[in-house]
Amino acid sequence: MKHPTYSIGDVASMTGVTRRQIRNWESRGYIPEADRVVSGSRAYRRFSLHQIELISTIKALLDEGFTLPAAAEKATNRTLQPRKESTPGGQLD
């Protein structure tokens, strides 16, 4: 099954990060490059849920007072961590 992707406008609305900031973070390497969908002579960015989570985490860390480089590094480390899955009985693995 193909995973949904989102436009830069959708991501901006979902995260509270401006389109300009998203482009800047991408060009500076703080977030991975978005996939591009070519339509005619234009290429449109398409973001995955993982990228949206990363952008949201960076924004939250910036709001806490971290610098952009520190927030991006911390967010990348957080989003790369495997998530704990619940097992029957409510125990975490």
Protein backbone atom coordinates (compact mmCIF):
# COMPACT_ATOMS: atom_id res chain seq x y z
CA MET A 1 0.00 0.00 0.00
CA LYS A 2 1.30 3.43 -0.91
CA HIS A 3 1.77 5.85 1.97
CA PRO A 4 0.08 9.25 1.75
CA THR A 5 2.16 12.33 1.01
CA TYR A 6 1.36 15.95 1.63
CA SER A 7 2.03 19.24 -0.15
CA ILE A 8 4.17 21.95 1.40
CA GLY A 9 1.00 23.98 2.04
CA ASP A 10 -0.58 21.06 3.88
CA VAL A 11 2.58 20.59 5.94
CA ALA A 12 2.72 24.30 6.80
CA SER A 13 -0.90 24.20 7.99
CA MET A 14 -0.37 20.99 9.96
CA THR A 15 2.84 22.07 11.71
CA GLY A 16 2.64 25.84 12.05
CA VAL A 17 5.94 26.17 10.17
CA THR A 18 5.87 28.51 7.18
CA ARG A 19 6.52 27.27 3.64
CA ARG A 20 9.59 29.49 3.53
CA GLN A 21 10.97 27.93 6.72
CA ILE A 22 10.34 24.42 5.40
CA ARG A 23 12.20 25.23 2.17
CA ASN A 24 15.03 26.79 4.18
CA TRP A 25 15.35 23.80 6.52
CA GLU A 26 15.37 21.46 3.53
CA SER A 27 18.01 23.46 1.63
CA ARG A 28 20.23 23.63 4.74
CA GLY A 29 19.93 19.87 5.35
CA TYR A 30 17.97 20.03 8.62
CA ILE A 31 15.20 17.90 7.12
CA PRO A 32 15.52 15.33 4.33
CA GLU A 33 14.68 16.48 0.81
CA ALA A 34 11.04 15.97 -0.03
CA ASP A 35 10.06 13.83 -2.98
CA ARG A 36 9.18 15.85 -6.05
CA VAL A 37 6.20 15.32 -8.33
CA VAL A 38 6.74 16.85 -11.76
CA SER A 39 3.79 18.44 -13.48
CA GLY A 40 4.69 20.16 -16.73
CA SER A 41 7.65 22.43 -16.07
CA ARG A 42 7.07 22.51 -12.27
CA ALA A 43 8.14 20.14 -9.52
CA TYR A 44 6.05 20.02 -6.36
CA ARG A 45 7.34 18.86 -2.98
CA ARG A 46 5.57 15.90 -1.36
CA PHE A 47 6.25 15.16 2.30
CA SER A 48 5.83 11.87 4.16
CA LEU A 49 4.31 11.49 7.61
CA HIS A 50 7.82 10.86 8.97
CA GLN A 51 9.02 14.20 7.57
CA ILE A 52 5.96 15.95 9.02
CA GLU A 53 6.71 14.44 12.43
CA LEU A 54 10.30 15.64 12.16
CA ILE A 55 9.23 19.18 11.20
CA SER A 56 6.73 19.29 14.08
CA THR A 57 9.36 18.11 16.55
CA ILE A 58 11.88 20.69 15.35
CA LYS A 59 9.23 23.42 15.71
CA ALA A 60 8.38 22.30 19.26
CA LEU A 61 12.06 22.32 20.22
CA LEU A 62 12.54 25.78 18.70
CA ASP A 63 9.56 26.96 20.74
CA GLU A 64 11.32 25.60 23.86
CA GLY A 65 14.36 27.77 23.06
CA PHE A 66 16.72 25.42 21.22
CA THR A 67 18.75 26.75 18.30
CA LEU A 68 17.83 25.39 14.88
CA PRO A 69 20.93 23.14 14.59
CA ALA A 70 20.37 21.74 18.10
CA ALA A 71 16.63 21.28 17.53
CA ALA A 72 17.19 19.50 14.21
CA GLU A 73 19.77 17.15 15.73
CA LYS A 74 17.61 16.36 18.76
CA ALA A 75 14.50 15.89 16.60
CA THR A 76 16.33 13.59 14.20
CA ASN A 77 17.52 11.44 17.10
CA ARG A 78 13.99 11.29 18.55
CA THR A 79 12.29 10.34 15.30
CA LEU A 80 14.88 7.65 14.54
CA GLN A 81 14.21 5.90 17.86
CA PRO A 82 12.01 2.81 17.50
CA ARG A 83 8.67 3.33 19.14
CA LYS A 84 7.60 1.17 22.03
CA GLU A 85 4.72 -1.06 21.07
CA SER A 86 2.01 -2.06 23.53
CA THR A 87 1.51 -5.74 24.15
CA PRO A 88 -1.62 -7.43 25.49
CA GLY A 89 -1.90 -6.63 29.17
CA GLY A 90 -0.63 -3.09 28.73
CA GLN A 91 3.07 -3.90 29.08
CA LEU A 92 5.57 -2.08 26.89
CA ASP A 93 8.18 -4.06 25.00
